[in-house]
C-alpha atoms as a PDB file:
ATOM      1  CA  UNK A   1      62.353  21.512-120.884  1.00  0.00           C
ATOM      2  CA  UNK A   2      64.520  23.000-118.247  1.00  0.00           C
ATOM      3  CA  UNK A   3      62.965  24.378-115.066  1.00  0.00           C
ATOM      4  CA  UNK A   4      62.938  28.234-115.024  1.00  0.00           C
ATOM      5  CA  UNK A   5      63.435  30.153-111.799  1.00  0.00           C
ATOM      6  CA  UNK A   6      62.102  33.840-111.596  1.00  0.00           C
ATOM      7  CA  UNK A   7      62.818  36.029-108.544  1.00  0.00           C
ATOM      8  CA  UNK A   8      60.508  38.599-107.546  1.00  0.00           C
ATOM      9  CA  UNK A   9      61.117  41.143-104.808  1.00  0.00           C
ATOM     10  CA  UNK A  10      58.545  39.522-102.446  1.00  0.00           C
ATOM     11  CA  UNK A  11      59.272  36.028-102.882  1.00  0.00           C
ATOM     12  CA  UNK A  12      60.454  33.532-105.253  1.00  0.00           C
ATOM     13  CA  UNK A  13      58.398  32.333-108.391  1.00  0.00           C
ATOM     14  CA  UNK A  14      59.198  28.931-109.698  1.00  0.00           C
ATOM     15  CA  UNK A  15      58.294  27.940-113.160  1.00  0.00           C
ATOM     16  CA  UNK A  16      57.463  24.231-113.568  1.00  0.00           C
ATOM     17  CA  UNK A  17      58.345  22.031-116.464  1.00  0.00           C
ATOM     18  CA  UNK A  18      54.834  22.476-117.880  1.00  0.00           C
ATOM     19  CA  UNK A  19      55.094  26.246-117.960  1.00  0.00           C
ATOM     20  CA  UNK A  20      52.826  26.943-114.929  1.00  0.00           C
ATOM     21  CA  UNK A  21      53.981  29.166-112.216  1.00  0.00           C
ATOM     22  CA  UNK A  22      54.146  28.442-108.557  1.00  0.00           C
ATOM     23  CA  UNK A  23      54.769  30.791-105.709  1.00  0.00           C
ATOM     24  CA  UNK A  24      57.346  29.796-103.135  1.00  0.00           C
ATOM     25  CA  UNK A  25      57.291  31.567 -99.918  1.00  0.00           C
ATOM     26  CA  UNK A  26      60.094  33.841 -99.024  1.00  0.00           C
ATOM     27  CA  UNK A  27      62.399  33.077 -95.896  1.00  0.00           C
ATOM     28  CA  UNK A  28      60.871  34.376 -92.736  1.00  0.00           C
ATOM     29  CA  UNK A  29      62.040  37.657 -91.442  1.00  0.00           C
ATOM     30  CA  UNK A  30      64.317  37.337 -88.505  1.00  0.00           C
ATOM     31  CA  UNK A  31      62.917  38.804 -85.453  1.00  0.00           C
ATOM     32  CA  UNK A  32      63.970  42.282 -84.296  1.00  0.00           C
ATOM     33  CA  UNK A  33      65.266  42.492 -80.580  1.00  0.00           C
ATOM     34  CA  UNK A  34      66.036  45.657 -78.877  1.00  0.00           C
ATOM     35  CA  UNK A  35      68.041  45.889 -75.692  1.00  0.00           C
ATOM     36  CA  UNK A  36      67.890  48.581 -73.317  1.00  0.00           C
ATOM     37  CA  UNK A  37      70.243  49.092 -70.455  1.00  0.00           C
ATOM     38  CA  UNK A  38      68.908  50.362 -67.021  1.00  0.00           C
ATOM     39  CA  UNK A  39      72.094  51.853 -65.412  1.00  0.00           C
ATOM     40  CA  UNK A  40      70.057  53.383 -62.533  1.00  0.00           C
ATOM     41  CA  UNK A  41      69.121  49.659 -61.224  1.00  0.00           C
ATOM     42  CA  UNK A  42      71.290  47.046 -59.997  1.00  0.00           C
ATOM     43  CA  UNK A  43      71.176  43.520 -58.367  1.00  0.00           C
ATOM     44  CA  UNK A  44      68.216  41.190 -58.462  1.00  0.00           C
ATOM     45  CA  UNK A  45      65.112  42.676 -60.207  1.00  0.00           C
ATOM     46  CA  UNK A  46      61.598  41.905 -58.972  1.00  0.00           C
ATOM     47  CA  UNK A  47      58.799  42.416 -61.432  1.00  0.00           C
ATOM     48  CA  UNK A  48      55.377  43.461 -60.651  1.00  0.00           C
ATOM     49  CA  UNK A  49      52.440  45.880 -60.968  1.00  0.00           C
ATOM     50  CA  UNK A  50      53.027  48.131 -57.958  1.00  0.00           C
ATOM     51  CA  UNK A  51      50.826  51.005 -58.927  1.00  0.00           C
ATOM     52  CA  UNK A  52      47.714  49.035 -60.449  1.00  0.00           C
ATOM     53  CA  UNK A  53      48.032  50.345 -63.918  1.00  0.00           C
ATOM     54  CA  UNK A  54      48.557  46.930 -65.494  1.00  0.00           C
ATOM     55  CA  UNK A  55      51.906  47.843 -66.566  1.00  0.00           C
ATOM     56  CA  UNK A  56      54.952  45.872 -65.208  1.00  0.00           C
ATOM     57  CA  UNK A  57      57.218  47.767 -62.775  1.00  0.00           C
ATOM     58  CA  UNK A  58      60.515  46.883 -61.470  1.00  0.00           C
ATOM     59  CA  UNK A  59      61.727  46.783 -57.741  1.00  0.00           C
ATOM     60  CA  UNK A  60      65.355  46.388 -57.038  1.00  0.00           C
ATOM     61  CA  UNK A  61      68.325  48.562 -55.586  1.00  0.00           C
ATOM     62  CA  UNK A  62      69.481  51.861 -56.895  1.00  0.00           C
ATOM     63  CA  UNK A  63      73.048  51.749 -58.634  1.00  0.00           C
ATOM     64  CA  UNK A  64      73.536  55.305 -57.375  1.00  0.00           C
ATOM     65  CA  UNK A  65      73.292  56.960 -53.994  1.00  0.00           C
ATOM     66  CA  UNK A  66      69.744  58.229 -52.870  1.00  0.00           C
ATOM     67  CA  UNK A  67      69.446  59.749 -49.553  1.00  0.00           C
ATOM     68  CA  UNK A  68      73.008  59.197 -48.943  1.00  0.00           C
ATOM     69  CA  UNK A  69      72.677  55.286 -49.395  1.00  0.00           C
ATOM     70  CA  UNK A  70      71.932  52.709 -52.047  1.00  0.00           C
ATOM     71  CA  UNK A  71      68.231  52.149 -51.163  1.00  0.00           C
ATOM     72  CA  UNK A  72      65.586  49.719 -52.515  1.00  0.00           C
ATOM     73  CA  UNK A  73      63.842  51.373 -55.266  1.00  0.00           C
ATOM     74  CA  UNK A  74      60.669  50.864 -57.701  1.00  0.00           C
ATOM     75  CA  UNK A  75      60.877  52.177 -61.169  1.00  0.00           C
ATOM     76  CA  UNK A  76      57.323  52.532 -62.490  1.00  0.00           C
ATOM     77  CA  UNK A  77      56.845  51.141 -66.149  1.00  0.00           C
ATOM     78  CA  UNK A  78      55.636  53.329 -68.991  1.00  0.00           C
ATOM     79  CA  UNK A  79      54.221  50.385 -70.959  1.00  0.00           C
ATOM     80  CA  UNK A  80      56.728  50.774 -73.876  1.00  0.00           C
ATOM     81  CA  UNK A  81      59.710  49.012 -72.397  1.00  0.00           C
ATOM     82  CA  UNK A  82      60.911  52.119 -70.612  1.00  0.00           C
ATOM     83  CA  UNK A  83      60.878  52.976 -67.040  1.00  0.00           C
ATOM     84  CA  UNK A  84      60.373  56.011 -64.856  1.00  0.00           C
ATOM     85  CA  UNK A  85      63.284  57.300 -62.701  1.00  0.00           C
ATOM     86  CA  UNK A  86      63.534  54.846 -59.543  1.00  0.00           C
ATOM     87  CA  UNK A  87      62.160  55.981 -56.451  1.00  0.00           C
ATOM     88  CA  UNK A  88      63.479  55.017 -53.048  1.00  0.00           C
ATOM     89  CA  UNK A  89      60.836  52.800 -50.994  1.00  0.00           C
ATOM     90  CA  UNK A  90      63.031  52.802 -47.687  1.00  0.00           C
ATOM     91  CA  UNK A  91      65.373  55.324 -46.525  1.00  0.00           C
ATOM     92  CA  UNK A  92      68.100  52.773 -45.590  1.00  0.00           C
ATOM     93  CA  UNK A  93      70.696  50.689 -47.492  1.00  0.00           C
ATOM     94  CA  UNK A  94      69.288  47.511 -48.996  1.00  0.00           C
ATOM     95  CA  UNK A  95      67.524  45.810 -51.875  1.00  0.00           C
ATOM     96  CA  UNK A  96      64.241  44.384 -52.953  1.00  0.00           C
ATOM     97  CA  UNK A  97      63.769  40.573 -52.262  1.00  0.00           C
ATOM     98  CA  UNK A  98      60.302  39.582 -53.172  1.00  0.00           C
ATOM     99  CA  UNK A  99      56.849  40.723 -53.904  1.00  0.00           C
ATOM    100  CA  UNK A 100      53.510  39.401 -52.920  1.00  0.00           C
ATOM    101  CA  UNK A 101      50.020  40.326 -51.695  1.00  0.00           C
ATOM    102  CA  UNK A 102      50.836  39.372 -48.053  1.00  0.00           C
ATOM    103  CA  UNK A 103      47.927  41.234 -46.397  1.00  0.00           C
ATOM    104  CA  UNK A 104      45.362  40.271 -49.092  1.00  0.00           C
ATOM    105  CA  UNK A 105      44.050  43.903 -49.925  1.00  0.00           C
ATOM    106  CA  UNK A 106      44.723  43.552 -53.633  1.00  0.00           C
ATOM    107  CA  UNK A 107      47.890  45.599 -53.514  1.00  0.00           C
ATOM    108  CA  UNK A 108      51.375  44.060 -54.123  1.00  0.00           C
ATOM    109  CA  UNK A 109      53.581  44.444 -51.188  1.00  0.00           C
ATOM    110  CA  UNK A 110      57.526  44.171 -50.917  1.00  0.00           C
ATOM    111  CA  UNK A 111      59.874  42.221 -48.796  1.00  0.00           C
ATOM    112  CA  UNK A 112      63.292  43.960 -48.656  1.00  0.00           C
ATOM    113  CA  UNK A 113      66.661  43.516 -46.897  1.00  0.00           C
ATOM    114  CA  UNK A 114      67.916  46.565 -44.962  1.00  0.00           C
ATOM    115  CA  UNK A 115      71.087  47.237 -43.011  1.00  0.00           C
ATOM    116  CA  UNK A 116      69.208  48.441 -39.895  1.00  0.00           C
ATOM    117  CA  UNK A 117      67.813  47.167 -36.557  1.00  0.00           C
ATOM    118  CA  UNK A 118      68.349  43.495 -35.562  1.00  0.00           C
ATOM    119  CA  UNK A 119      67.024  41.602 -38.506  1.00  0.00           C
ATOM    120  CA  UNK A 120      67.869  42.604 -42.076  1.00  0.00           C
ATOM    121  CA  UNK A 121      64.405  41.370 -43.507  1.00  0.00           C
ATOM    122  CA  UNK A 122      61.504  43.858 -43.701  1.00  0.00           C
ATOM    123  CA  UNK A 123      57.949  43.967 -44.891  1.00  0.00           C
ATOM    124  CA  UNK A 124      56.762  46.963 -46.769  1.00  0.00           C
ATOM    125  CA  UNK A 125      52.812  47.266 -47.236  1.00  0.00           C
ATOM    126  CA  UNK A 126      52.004  48.372 -50.793  1.00  0.00           C
ATOM    127  CA  UNK A 127      49.503  51.472 -51.117  1.00  0.00           C
ATOM    128  CA  UNK A 128      48.671  50.587 -54.685  1.00  0.00           C
ATOM    129  CA  UNK A 129      50.193  53.659 -56.279  1.00  0.00           C
ATOM    130  CA  UNK A 130      53.717  52.773 -56.243  1.00  0.00           C
ATOM    131  CA  UNK A 131      54.517  53.913 -52.667  1.00  0.00           C
ATOM    132  CA  UNK A 132      54.743  51.794 -49.607  1.00  0.00           C
ATOM    133  CA  UNK A 133      54.246  52.012 -45.794  1.00  0.00           C
ATOM    134  CA  UNK A 134      57.152  52.105 -43.335  1.00  0.00           C
ATOM    135  CA  UNK A 135      59.460  48.923 -42.926  1.00  0.00           C
ATOM    136  CA  UNK A 136      58.319  46.237 -40.470  1.00  0.00           C
ATOM    137  CA  UNK A 137      60.687  43.724 -39.343  1.00  0.00           C
ATOM    138  CA  UNK A 138      60.335  40.150 -40.092  1.00  0.00           C
ATOM    139  CA  UNK A 139      61.608  37.527 -37.650  1.00  0.00           C
ATOM    140  CA  UNK A 140      64.885  37.745 -35.798  1.00  0.00           C
ATOM    141  CA  UNK A 141      67.351  36.120 -38.229  1.00  0.00           C
ATOM    142  CA  UNK A 142      70.783  38.163 -38.224  1.00  0.00           C
ATOM    143  CA  UNK A 143      72.585  36.279 -40.994  1.00  0.00           C
ATOM    144  CA  UNK A 144      73.923  39.127 -43.182  1.00  0.00           C
ATOM    145  CA  UNK A 145      74.505  37.389 -46.427  1.00  0.00           C
ATOM    146  CA  UNK A 146      70.992  37.095 -47.967  1.00  0.00           C
ATOM    147  CA  UNK A 147      71.071  35.751 -51.343  1.00  0.00           C
ATOM    148  CA  UNK A 148      67.547  35.309 -52.725  1.00  0.00           C
ATOM    149  CA  UNK A 149      63.811  34.996 -51.641  1.00  0.00           C
ATOM    150  CA  UNK A 150      60.555  33.637 -53.115  1.00  0.00           C
ATOM    151  CA  UNK A 151      56.811  33.632 -52.246  1.00  0.00           C
ATOM    152  CA  UNK A 152      54.637  30.496 -52.119  1.00  0.00           C
ATOM    153  CA  UNK A 153      51.806  29.075 -50.002  1.00  0.00           C
ATOM    154  CA  UNK A 154      54.007  26.315 -48.712  1.00  0.00           C
ATOM    155  CA  UNK A 155      51.810  25.248 -45.904  1.00  0.00           C
ATOM    156  CA  UNK A 156      48.438  25.291 -48.034  1.00  0.00           C
ATOM    157  CA  UNK A 157      46.433  27.572 -45.667  1.00  0.00           C
ATOM    158  CA  UNK A 158      45.686  30.128 -48.333  1.00  0.00           C
ATOM    159  CA  UNK A 159      48.364  32.829 -47.147  1.00  0.00           C
ATOM    160  CA  UNK A 160      51.489  33.411 -49.127  1.00  0.00           C
ATOM    161  CA  UNK A 161      54.647  32.476 -47.288  1.00  0.00           C
ATOM    162  CA  UNK A 162      58.275  33.723 -47.647  1.00  0.00           C
ATOM    163  CA  UNK A 163      61.334  31.612 -48.198  1.00  0.00           C
ATOM    164  CA  UNK A 164      64.720  33.415 -47.817  1.00  0.00           C
ATOM    165  CA  UNK A 165      68.057  32.081 -48.833  1.00  0.00           C
ATOM    166  CA  UNK A 166      71.132  33.052 -46.842  1.00  0.00           C
ATOM    167  CA  UNK A 167      74.595  32.065 -45.971  1.00  0.00           C
ATOM    168  CA  UNK A 168      75.173  32.003 -42.126  1.00  0.00           C
ATOM    169  CA  UNK A 169      78.184  33.000 -40.154  1.00  0.00           C
ATOM    170  CA  UNK A 170      79.904  29.595 -40.582  1.00  0.00           C
ATOM    171  CA  UNK A 171      79.278  29.506 -44.285  1.00  0.00           C
ATOM    172  CA  UNK A 172      76.262  27.250 -43.639  1.00  0.00           C
ATOM    173  CA  UNK A 173      73.775  27.430 -46.472  1.00  0.00           C
ATOM    174  CA  UNK A 174      70.276  28.087 -45.222  1.00  0.00           C
ATOM    175  CA  UNK A 175      66.659  28.657 -46.442  1.00  0.00           C
ATOM    176  CA  UNK A 176      64.460  30.132 -43.647  1.00  0.00           C
ATOM    177  CA  UNK A 177      60.703  29.877 -44.306  1.00  0.00           C
ATOM    178  CA  UNK A 178      58.383  32.446 -42.651  1.00  0.00           C
ATOM    179  CA  UNK A 179      54.928  31.430 -42.648  1.00  0.00           C
ATOM    180  CA  UNK A 180      52.538  34.216 -43.685  1.00  0.00           C
ATOM    181  CA  UNK A 181      49.669  34.982 -41.502  1.00  0.00           C
ATOM    182  CA  UNK A 182      47.384  36.873 -44.241  1.00  0.00           C
ATOM    183  CA  UNK A 183      47.661  40.205 -42.708  1.00  0.00           C
ATOM    184  CA  UNK A 184      51.143  41.297 -43.449  1.00  0.00           C
ATOM    185  CA  UNK A 185      52.759  39.607 -40.555  1.00  0.00           C
ATOM    186  CA  UNK A 186      54.854  36.328 -40.374  1.00  0.00           C
ATOM    187  CA  UNK A 187      55.994  33.550 -38.186  1.00  0.00           C
ATOM    188  CA  UNK A 188      59.546  33.761 -36.950  1.00  0.00           C
ATOM    189  CA  UNK A 189      61.338  31.322 -39.266  1.00  0.00           C
ATOM    190  CA  UNK A 190      59.081  28.306 -38.700  1.00  0.00           C
ATOM    191  CA  UNK A 191      61.216  26.067 -40.949  1.00  0.00           C
ATOM    192  CA  UNK A 192      65.055  26.072 -41.429  1.00  0.00           C
ATOM    193  CA  UNK A 193      66.407  24.158 -44.416  1.00  0.00           C
ATOM    194  CA  UNK A 194      70.164  23.460 -44.533  1.00  0.00           C
ATOM    195  CA  UNK A 195      71.851  23.230 -47.979  1.00  0.00           C
ATOM    196  CA  UNK A 196      75.232  22.421 -46.523  1.00  0.00           C
ATOM    197  CA  UNK A 197      78.580  24.264 -45.404  1.00  0.00           C
ATOM    198  CA  UNK A 198      80.143  26.183 -48.388  1.00  0.00           C
ATOM    199  CA  UNK A 199      77.214  25.393 -50.687  1.00  0.00           C
ATOM    200  CA  UNK A 200      76.539  29.019 -51.366  1.00  0.00           C
ATOM    201  CA  UNK A 201      72.710  28.820 -52.194  1.00  0.00           C
ATOM    202  CA  UNK A 202      72.044  31.517 -54.842  1.00  0.00           C
ATOM    203  CA  UNK A 203      68.512  30.904 -56.013  1.00  0.00           C
ATOM    204  CA  UNK A 204      65.552  28.876 -55.143  1.00  0.00           C
ATOM    205  CA  UNK A 205      61.956  28.020 -56.471  1.00  0.00           C
ATOM    206  CA  UNK A 206      58.764  26.314 -55.239  1.00  0.00           C
ATOM    207  CA  UNK A 207      57.161  23.642 -57.298  1.00  0.00           C
ATOM    208  CA  UNK A 208      55.315  20.468 -57.093  1.00  0.00           C
ATOM    209  CA  UNK A 209      58.076  18.096 -57.878  1.00  0.00           C
ATOM    210  CA  UNK A 210      56.581  14.846 -56.884  1.00  0.00           C
ATOM    211  CA  UNK A 211      52.955  15.363 -57.902  1.00  0.00           C
ATOM    212  CA  UNK A 212      51.573  15.008 -54.419  1.00  0.00           C
ATOM    213  CA  UNK A 213      49.845  18.614 -54.694  1.00  0.00           C
ATOM    214  CA  UNK A 214      52.113  20.320 -52.156  1.00  0.00           C
ATOM    215  CA  UNK A 215      54.837  22.846 -53.282  1.00  0.00           C
ATOM    216  CA  UNK A 216      58.369  21.655 -52.725  1.00  0.00           C
ATOM    217  CA  UNK A 217      61.528  23.777 -52.671  1.00  0.00           C
ATOM    218  CA  UNK A 218      64.594  23.433 -55.069  1.00  0.00           C
ATOM    219  CA  UNK A 219      67.503  25.497 -54.232  1.00  0.00           C
ATOM    220  CA  UNK A 220      70.522  26.073 -56.664  1.00  0.00           C
ATOM    221  CA  UNK A 221      73.848  25.839 -54.784  1.00  0.00           C
ATOM    222  CA  UNK A 222      76.850  27.484 -56.371  1.00  0.00           C
ATOM    223  CA  UNK A 223      79.468  26.488 -54.161  1.00  0.00           C
ATOM    224  CA  UNK A 224      78.452  22.881 -53.844  1.00  0.00           C
ATOM    225  CA  UNK A 225      77.563  22.781 -57.676  1.00  0.00           C
ATOM    226  CA  UNK A 226      74.558  21.174 -56.715  1.00  0.00           C
ATOM    227  CA  UNK A 227      70.667  21.449 -56.405  1.00  0.00           C
ATOM    228  CA  UNK A 228      68.983  20.821 -52.959  1.00  0.00           C
ATOM    229  CA  UNK A 229      65.579  19.253 -53.104  1.00  0.00           C
ATOM    230  CA  UNK A 230      63.284  19.697 -50.094  1.00  0.00           C
ATOM    231  CA  UNK A 231      59.834  17.734 -50.431  1.00  0.00           C
ATOM    232  CA  UNK A 232      57.031  19.117 -48.694  1.00  0.00           C
ATOM    233  CA  UNK A 233      55.436  16.737 -46.102  1.00  0.00           C
ATOM    234  CA  UNK A 234      52.901  19.121 -45.007  1.00  0.00           C
ATOM    235  CA  UNK A 235      52.818  21.698 -42.073  1.00  0.00           C
ATOM    236  CA  UNK A 236      56.139  23.232 -43.203  1.00  0.00           C
ATOM    237  CA  UNK A 237      58.016  19.833 -42.824  1.00  0.00           C
ATOM    238  CA  UNK A 238      60.446  18.869 -45.415  1.00  0.00           C
ATOM    239  CA  UNK A 239      62.637  15.904 -46.280  1.00  0.00           C
ATOM    240  CA  UNK A 240      65.817  16.846 -48.212  1.00  0.00           C
ATOM    241  CA  UNK A 241      68.001  15.259 -50.950  1.00  0.00           C
ATOM    242  CA  UNK A 242      70.972  16.605 -52.863  1.00  0.00           C
ATOM    243  CA  UNK A 243      71.308  16.562 -56.677  1.00  0.00           C
ATOM    244  CA  UNK A 244      74.984  16.909 -57.988  1.00  0.00           C
ATOM    245  CA  UNK A 245      75.069  18.705 -61.313  1.00  0.00           C
ATOM    246  CA  UNK A 246      77.827  16.570 -62.778  1.00  0.00           C
ATOM    247  CA  UNK A 247      80.660  19.318 -63.000  1.00  0.00           C
ATOM    248  CA  UNK A 248      84.002  18.276 -62.563  1.00  0.00           C
ATOM    249  CA  UNK A 249      85.316  21.440 -60.708  1.00  0.00           C
ATOM    250  CA  UNK A 250      83.953  23.000 -57.644  1.00  0.00           C
ATOM    251  CA  UNK A 251      84.853  26.177 -55.630  1.00  0.00           C
ATOM    252  CA  UNK A 252      84.897  27.323 -52.057  1.00  0.00           C
ATOM    253  CA  UNK A 253      82.482  30.030 -51.460  1.00  0.00           C
ATOM    254  CA  UNK A 254      83.719  32.630 -48.876  1.00  0.00           C
ATOM    255  CA  UNK A 255      82.827  36.210 -47.999  1.00  0.00           C
ATOM    256  CA  UNK A 256      85.273  38.770 -48.887  1.00  0.00           C
END
């Protein structure tokens, strides 16, 4: 007897050679993905709950002029994938770099880069309602081309530290580490990690790469087409190694 195949709307029914019916599962429904463009925001986006409502907010830079400049802004989340209009967090040109509870008050703070004063790196204490205190300068570094930042307890003292990637005046790639004091203040660049001339470090992370319990630093270098590894020896001392990415072509990175 030939096998009969009967199709139903919700799936497929298979008739076996003995006449019994077997239910075959229908193909899984492909996932539905919705994409929304937030044209009011630009640059690197820092997620975090800045107003304590357990909904993810976004900190970045405004794509339009606010108070006459493109300022660091926070767009509070609505919980449905949409966000409120961005609000300026500092009245100066700049962008958000990183977020963390640097003064241990349970409220998320911001680190931003601003075109003002001597150093571009500033700390903004979060008030827990989506607003922030006035900018307070961090360190005395004057390199203008800041490319990224991340937060980690790199010296294992229980206080979050700040690592900032930048391109120096001689196109030297650098990562400056500012040790956090746990009260919203920082050391003045206690560690200075070099990724090399024309390396163009564009991103970095902290992770325990060798299993010794200390967070190490990995930096992606666009210009050098490599990853710089800095193994944490404790007390913010690091040993470095370079890992080429195996690409045949490289580019020279320079300011325009």
